[in-house]
Amino acid sequence: MIDRPRKPQQTRRQHPRVDLRMSAEVRTQRSVFTATTRDLSEGGVGISAEYPLEEGSEVVLGLFLVLDDVESDTPPLWVKARVAWAAETDEHRHNAGVRFEVITDDQRKWLRQVLATILPPAAGRRG
């Protein structure tokens, strides 16, 4: 699979990433499509989709919590975001790193609750 090259900026992450598969709806200026998350943090999300995203473009993401392959009753998180990077895979899928642009306290609470259900109690708290 072709993936984005590692860049020095990755060492400056503000928030730890957690591998997490969720359903996502991506809304761009031109289209609406579904995607799957690859990972999630309080600062952004990695996604995989059938359609490409343009680096620097603004999107609105809907993240839907899925437990045991069933969509949860938890309302989805809708957040404005910007595509930080994008790459096509060998399987003709499109991966992208998306940074949350505008996030409210309620949205941050949603993210923290989801991440807390995934992370073991001591994970992510190391200095």
N, C-alpha and C. Protein backbone atom coordinates (compact mmCIF):
# COMPACT_ATOMS: atom_id res chain seq x y z
N MET A 1 0.84 -1.17 0.00
CA MET A 1 0.00 0.00 0.00
C MET A 1 0.89 1.24 0.00
N ILE A 2 0.55 2.21 -0.81
CA ILE A 2 1.27 3.48 -0.81
C ILE A 2 0.69 4.32 0.31
N ASP A 3 1.54 4.83 1.13
CA ASP A 3 1.08 5.67 2.24
C ASP A 3 1.93 6.92 2.25
N ARG A 4 1.52 7.90 2.96
CA ARG A 4 2.27 9.15 2.99
C ARG A 4 3.62 8.94 3.66
N PRO A 5 4.64 9.64 3.20
CA PRO A 5 5.94 9.51 3.84
C PRO A 5 5.93 10.13 5.23
N ARG A 6 6.75 9.60 6.08
CA ARG A 6 6.89 10.15 7.43
C ARG A 6 7.59 11.49 7.34
N LYS A 7 7.05 12.49 7.97
CA LYS A 7 7.65 13.82 7.96
C LYS A 7 8.01 14.21 9.37
N PRO A 8 9.02 15.07 9.55
CA PRO A 8 9.43 15.47 10.89
C PRO A 8 8.30 16.07 11.71
N GLN A 9 7.31 16.72 11.07
CA GLN A 9 6.23 17.34 11.83
C GLN A 9 5.41 16.34 12.63
N GLN A 10 5.46 15.06 12.27
CA GLN A 10 4.68 14.07 13.00
C GLN A 10 5.13 13.94 14.45
N THR A 11 6.35 14.30 14.75
CA THR A 11 6.83 14.19 16.11
C THR A 11 6.27 15.31 16.99
N ARG A 12 5.61 16.28 16.39
CA ARG A 12 5.08 17.40 17.15
C ARG A 12 3.58 17.28 17.41
N ARG A 13 3.04 16.12 17.37
CA ARG A 13 1.60 15.94 17.59
C ARG A 13 1.22 16.43 18.98
N GLN A 14 0.11 17.14 19.03
CA GLN A 14 -0.38 17.62 20.32
C GLN A 14 -1.22 16.57 21.03
N HIS A 15 -1.84 15.68 20.26
CA HIS A 15 -2.77 14.70 20.83
C HIS A 15 -2.40 13.29 20.38
N PRO A 16 -2.40 12.33 21.30
CA PRO A 16 -2.10 10.95 20.90
C PRO A 16 -3.20 10.39 20.00
N ARG A 17 -2.78 9.62 18.99
CA ARG A 17 -3.74 8.98 18.08
C ARG A 17 -4.07 7.60 18.60
N VAL A 18 -5.31 7.18 18.34
CA VAL A 18 -5.77 5.85 18.69
C VAL A 18 -6.30 5.19 17.42
N ASP A 19 -5.82 3.98 17.11
CA ASP A 19 -6.38 3.25 15.98
C ASP A 19 -7.84 2.97 16.27
N LEU A 20 -8.70 3.43 15.39
CA LEU A 20 -10.14 3.30 15.65
C LEU A 20 -10.90 3.33 14.34
N ARG A 21 -11.76 2.33 14.13
CA ARG A 21 -12.59 2.26 12.94
C ARG A 21 -13.99 2.76 13.29
N MET A 22 -14.38 3.83 12.63
CA MET A 22 -15.72 4.41 12.80
C MET A 22 -16.28 4.72 11.42
N SER A 23 -17.57 4.83 11.32
CA SER A 23 -18.19 5.30 10.09
C SER A 23 -18.09 6.82 10.06
N ALA A 24 -17.89 7.36 8.88
CA ALA A 24 -17.79 8.81 8.75
C ALA A 24 -18.54 9.26 7.50
N GLU A 25 -19.13 10.43 7.58
CA GLU A 25 -19.71 11.08 6.41
C GLU A 25 -18.85 12.30 6.14
N VAL A 26 -18.42 12.45 4.90
CA VAL A 26 -17.56 13.57 4.50
C VAL A 26 -18.36 14.48 3.58
N ARG A 27 -18.42 15.75 3.94
CA ARG A 27 -19.12 16.74 3.11
C ARG A 27 -18.10 17.76 2.62
N THR A 28 -17.93 17.81 1.31
CA THR A 28 -17.05 18.80 0.69
C THR A 28 -17.92 19.82 -0.04
N GLN A 29 -17.29 20.80 -0.67
CA GLN A 29 -18.07 21.77 -1.44
C GLN A 29 -18.74 21.12 -2.63
N ARG A 30 -18.19 20.00 -3.13
CA ARG A 30 -18.70 19.36 -4.33
C ARG A 30 -19.47 18.07 -4.12
N SER A 31 -19.27 17.41 -2.97
CA SER A 31 -19.87 16.09 -2.82
C SER A 31 -20.05 15.70 -1.36
N VAL A 32 -20.80 14.62 -1.19
CA VAL A 32 -21.00 13.99 0.12
C VAL A 32 -20.76 12.50 -0.09
N PHE A 33 -19.90 11.89 0.77
CA PHE A 33 -19.63 10.47 0.64
C PHE A 33 -19.27 9.89 2.01
N THR A 34 -19.29 8.56 2.08
CA THR A 34 -18.95 7.89 3.33
C THR A 34 -17.47 7.50 3.32
N ALA A 35 -16.94 7.35 4.50
CA ALA A 35 -15.55 6.94 4.69
C ALA A 35 -15.47 6.12 5.96
N THR A 36 -14.28 5.61 6.23
CA THR A 36 -14.00 4.87 7.45
C THR A 36 -12.81 5.53 8.13
N THR A 37 -12.89 5.70 9.43
CA THR A 37 -11.73 6.28 10.11
C THR A 37 -10.65 5.22 10.26
N ARG A 38 -9.41 5.67 10.28
CA ARG A 38 -8.25 4.81 10.52
C ARG A 38 -7.74 5.01 11.94
N ASP A 39 -7.79 6.26 12.36
CA ASP A 39 -7.37 6.62 13.72
C ASP A 39 -8.05 7.92 14.11
N LEU A 40 -8.00 8.22 15.41
CA LEU A 40 -8.71 9.38 15.94
C LEU A 40 -7.90 9.97 17.09
N SER A 41 -7.92 11.29 17.19
CA SER A 41 -7.35 11.99 18.33
C SER A 41 -8.22 13.21 18.60
N GLU A 42 -7.90 13.94 19.65
CA GLU A 42 -8.66 15.15 19.94
C GLU A 42 -8.40 16.23 18.90
N GLY A 43 -7.34 16.09 18.12
CA GLY A 43 -6.98 17.11 17.15
C GLY A 43 -7.37 16.80 15.71
N GLY A 44 -7.71 15.53 15.43
CA GLY A 44 -8.06 15.19 14.06
C GLY A 44 -8.29 13.71 13.89
N VAL A 45 -8.42 13.31 12.62
CA VAL A 45 -8.77 11.93 12.31
C VAL A 45 -8.12 11.53 10.98
N GLY A 46 -7.73 10.26 10.89
CA GLY A 46 -7.28 9.69 9.64
C GLY A 46 -8.44 8.96 9.02
N ILE A 47 -8.68 9.16 7.72
CA ILE A 47 -9.81 8.50 7.07
C ILE A 47 -9.36 7.77 5.80
N SER A 48 -10.18 6.81 5.40
CA SER A 48 -10.00 6.06 4.16
C SER A 48 -11.33 6.08 3.42
N ALA A 49 -11.28 6.42 2.11
CA ALA A 49 -12.52 6.54 1.34
C ALA A 49 -12.29 6.12 -0.10
N GLU A 50 -13.37 5.99 -0.84
CA GLU A 50 -13.28 5.67 -2.26
C GLU A 50 -12.99 6.91 -3.09
N TYR A 51 -13.18 8.09 -2.52
CA TYR A 51 -13.03 9.34 -3.26
C TYR A 51 -11.89 10.16 -2.69
N PRO A 52 -11.17 10.88 -3.54
CA PRO A 52 -10.04 11.68 -3.07
C PRO A 52 -10.47 12.97 -2.39
N LEU A 53 -9.62 13.43 -1.50
CA LEU A 53 -9.78 14.75 -0.88
C LEU A 53 -8.57 15.59 -1.28
N GLU A 54 -8.77 16.87 -1.40
CA GLU A 54 -7.69 17.77 -1.79
C GLU A 54 -7.03 18.37 -0.56
N GLU A 55 -5.70 18.29 -0.51
CA GLU A 55 -4.97 18.88 0.61
C GLU A 55 -5.34 20.35 0.75
N GLY A 56 -5.58 20.77 1.99
CA GLY A 56 -5.93 22.16 2.27
C GLY A 56 -7.41 22.47 2.18
N SER A 57 -8.20 21.54 1.64
CA SER A 57 -9.63 21.81 1.49
C SER A 57 -10.36 21.69 2.83
N GLU A 58 -11.44 22.45 2.95
CA GLU A 58 -12.27 22.40 4.16
C GLU A 58 -13.37 21.37 3.95
N VAL A 59 -13.63 20.59 4.98
CA VAL A 59 -14.69 19.58 4.94
C VAL A 59 -15.49 19.66 6.24
N VAL A 60 -16.67 19.08 6.19
CA VAL A 60 -17.45 18.86 7.40
C VAL A 60 -17.53 17.35 7.57
N LEU A 61 -17.15 16.88 8.75
CA LEU A 61 -17.16 15.44 9.03
C LEU A 61 -18.24 15.09 10.02
N GLY A 62 -18.91 13.99 9.76
CA GLY A 62 -19.80 13.38 10.72
C GLY A 62 -19.19 12.06 11.14
N LEU A 63 -18.89 11.92 12.43
CA LEU A 63 -18.29 10.68 12.94
C LEU A 63 -19.34 9.90 13.72
N PHE A 64 -19.55 8.65 13.33
CA PHE A 64 -20.58 7.81 13.91
C PHE A 64 -19.93 6.67 14.68
N LEU A 65 -20.20 6.59 15.96
CA LEU A 65 -19.64 5.55 16.81
C LEU A 65 -20.28 4.22 16.46
N VAL A 66 -19.44 3.19 16.24
CA VAL A 66 -19.90 1.85 15.90
C VAL A 66 -19.35 0.89 16.95
N LEU A 67 -20.25 0.13 17.58
CA LEU A 67 -19.86 -0.86 18.58
C LEU A 67 -20.31 -2.23 18.12
N ASP A 68 -19.42 -3.18 18.07
CA ASP A 68 -19.72 -4.55 17.61
C ASP A 68 -20.43 -4.54 16.27
N ASP A 69 -19.91 -3.73 15.34
CA ASP A 69 -20.43 -3.62 13.97
C ASP A 69 -21.85 -3.06 13.87
N VAL A 70 -22.32 -2.41 14.94
CA VAL A 70 -23.64 -1.79 14.94
C VAL A 70 -23.47 -0.31 15.32
N GLU A 71 -24.10 0.56 14.54
CA GLU A 71 -24.01 1.98 14.84
C GLU A 71 -24.65 2.26 16.20
N SER A 72 -23.94 2.99 17.04
CA SER A 72 -24.38 3.29 18.39
C SER A 72 -25.52 4.31 18.38
N ASP A 73 -26.27 4.34 19.48
CA ASP A 73 -27.33 5.34 19.66
C ASP A 73 -26.74 6.72 19.97
N THR A 74 -25.44 6.76 20.27
CA THR A 74 -24.77 8.03 20.55
C THR A 74 -24.87 8.92 19.32
N PRO A 75 -25.35 10.16 19.48
CA PRO A 75 -25.43 11.05 18.32
C PRO A 75 -24.04 11.25 17.71
N PRO A 76 -23.97 11.41 16.39
CA PRO A 76 -22.67 11.59 15.74
C PRO A 76 -22.04 12.93 16.10
N LEU A 77 -20.75 13.00 15.91
CA LEU A 77 -20.02 14.25 16.07
C LEU A 77 -19.93 14.90 14.70
N TRP A 78 -20.39 16.13 14.57
CA TRP A 78 -20.26 16.90 13.34
C TRP A 78 -19.26 18.00 13.62
N VAL A 79 -18.21 18.09 12.79
CA VAL A 79 -17.14 19.04 13.04
C VAL A 79 -16.55 19.56 11.72
N LYS A 80 -16.20 20.85 11.72
CA LYS A 80 -15.49 21.43 10.57
C LYS A 80 -14.02 21.04 10.67
N ALA A 81 -13.44 20.71 9.52
CA ALA A 81 -12.06 20.25 9.52
C ALA A 81 -11.37 20.65 8.22
N ARG A 82 -10.03 20.50 8.21
CA ARG A 82 -9.24 20.81 7.02
C ARG A 82 -8.34 19.61 6.72
N VAL A 83 -8.22 19.27 5.43
CA VAL A 83 -7.41 18.15 4.99
C VAL A 83 -5.93 18.55 5.07
N ALA A 84 -5.18 17.88 5.93
CA ALA A 84 -3.76 18.17 6.12
C ALA A 84 -2.90 17.47 5.07
N TRP A 85 -3.27 16.25 4.70
CA TRP A 85 -2.55 15.48 3.68
C TRP A 85 -3.50 14.49 3.04
N ALA A 86 -3.17 14.04 1.84
CA ALA A 86 -3.99 13.06 1.13
C ALA A 86 -3.09 12.20 0.26
N ALA A 87 -3.43 10.91 0.13
CA ALA A 87 -2.64 9.97 -0.68
C ALA A 87 -3.54 8.86 -1.21
N GLU A 88 -3.22 8.36 -2.40
CA GLU A 88 -3.94 7.22 -2.96
C GLU A 88 -3.19 5.94 -2.60
N THR A 89 -3.92 4.87 -2.31
CA THR A 89 -3.30 3.59 -1.98
C THR A 89 -3.19 2.73 -3.23
N ASP A 90 -2.46 1.62 -3.13
CA ASP A 90 -2.36 0.67 -4.24
C ASP A 90 -3.71 0.05 -4.58
N GLU A 91 -4.62 0.02 -3.61
CA GLU A 91 -5.95 -0.56 -3.81
C GLU A 91 -6.95 0.47 -4.34
N HIS A 92 -6.44 1.61 -4.81
CA HIS A 92 -7.27 2.68 -5.36
C HIS A 92 -8.24 3.26 -4.34
N ARG A 93 -7.83 3.23 -3.09
CA ARG A 93 -8.56 3.92 -2.02
C ARG A 93 -7.83 5.23 -1.78
N HIS A 94 -8.44 6.09 -1.02
CA HIS A 94 -7.85 7.40 -0.75
C HIS A 94 -7.79 7.61 0.76
N ASN A 95 -6.58 7.79 1.27
CA ASN A 95 -6.38 8.07 2.69
C ASN A 95 -6.13 9.57 2.85
N ALA A 96 -6.53 10.08 4.01
CA ALA A 96 -6.30 11.49 4.29
C ALA A 96 -6.18 11.70 5.79
N GLY A 97 -5.40 12.68 6.15
CA GLY A 97 -5.31 13.15 7.52
C GLY A 97 -6.08 14.46 7.61
N VAL A 98 -7.03 14.51 8.51
CA VAL A 98 -7.92 15.66 8.60
C VAL A 98 -7.81 16.27 9.99
N ARG A 99 -7.51 17.56 10.04
CA ARG A 99 -7.33 18.29 11.30
C ARG A 99 -8.61 19.05 11.64
N PHE A 100 -9.10 18.87 12.86
CA PHE A 100 -10.28 19.61 13.29
C PHE A 100 -9.96 21.09 13.37
N GLU A 101 -10.77 21.92 12.72
CA GLU A 101 -10.52 23.36 12.66
C GLU A 101 -11.23 24.09 13.79
N VAL A 102 -12.51 23.85 13.91
CA VAL A 102 -13.32 24.53 14.92
C VAL A 102 -13.95 23.45 15.76
N ILE A 103 -13.64 23.46 17.06
CA ILE A 103 -14.19 22.42 17.93
C ILE A 103 -14.67 23.06 19.23
N THR A 104 -15.90 22.74 19.58
CA THR A 104 -16.50 23.31 20.79
C THR A 104 -16.17 22.42 21.99
N ASP A 105 -16.49 22.92 23.18
CA ASP A 105 -16.27 22.13 24.39
C ASP A 105 -17.09 20.84 24.36
N ASP A 106 -18.33 20.91 23.84
CA ASP A 106 -19.18 19.71 23.75
C ASP A 106 -18.58 18.69 22.78
N GLN A 107 -18.03 19.18 21.66
CA GLN A 107 -17.41 18.27 20.71
C GLN A 107 -16.16 17.63 21.30
N ARG A 108 -15.37 18.41 22.02
CA ARG A 108 -14.18 17.87 22.68
C ARG A 108 -14.58 16.82 23.73
N LYS A 109 -15.67 17.06 24.44
CA LYS A 109 -16.17 16.11 25.43
C LYS A 109 -16.56 14.79 24.74
N TRP A 110 -17.23 14.88 23.59
CA TRP A 110 -17.63 13.69 22.82
C TRP A 110 -16.38 12.89 22.45
N LEU A 111 -15.37 13.59 21.93
CA LEU A 111 -14.12 12.93 21.54
C LEU A 111 -13.47 12.24 22.74
N ARG A 112 -13.38 12.95 23.85
CA ARG A 112 -12.74 12.38 25.04
C ARG A 112 -13.49 11.15 25.54
N GLN A 113 -14.82 11.18 25.49
CA GLN A 113 -15.60 10.02 25.93
C GLN A 113 -15.36 8.83 25.02
N VAL A 114 -15.33 9.08 23.71
CA VAL A 114 -15.08 7.98 22.77
C VAL A 114 -13.68 7.42 22.98
N LEU A 115 -12.69 8.30 23.08
CA LEU A 115 -11.32 7.84 23.28
C LEU A 115 -11.16 7.11 24.60
N ALA A 116 -11.85 7.55 25.64
CA ALA A 116 -11.77 6.90 26.95
C ALA A 116 -12.35 5.49 26.90
N THR A 117 -13.35 5.25 26.06
CA THR A 117 -13.92 3.90 25.96
C THR A 117 -13.00 2.96 25.22
N ILE A 118 -12.11 3.51 24.39
CA ILE A 118 -11.20 2.70 23.59
C ILE A 118 -9.88 2.46 24.31
N LEU A 119 -9.35 3.50 24.95
CA LEU A 119 -8.05 3.42 25.60
C LEU A 119 -8.10 2.68 26.92
N PRO A 120 -7.09 1.88 27.23
CA PRO A 120 -6.98 1.32 28.58
C PRO A 120 -6.74 2.49 29.55
N PRO A 121 -7.08 2.34 30.83
CA PRO A 121 -6.99 3.45 31.78
C PRO A 121 -5.66 4.19 31.81
N ALA A 122 -4.53 3.51 31.65
CA ALA A 122 -3.23 4.20 31.76
C ALA A 122 -2.72 4.71 30.42
N ALA A 123 -3.34 4.32 29.30
CA ALA A 123 -2.84 4.71 27.98
C ALA A 123 -3.04 6.20 27.74
N GLY A 124 -2.13 6.76 27.01
CA GLY A 124 -2.26 8.16 26.62
C GLY A 124 -1.94 9.14 27.71
N ARG A 125 -1.60 8.68 28.92
CA ARG A 125 -1.31 9.59 30.01
C ARG A 125 0.16 9.65 30.35
N ARG A 126 0.95 9.03 29.54
CA ARG A 126 2.39 9.07 29.80
C ARG A 126 2.97 10.38 29.31
N GLY A 127 4.01 10.87 30.01
CA GLY A 127 4.62 12.15 29.66
C GLY A 127 5.42 12.05 28.47
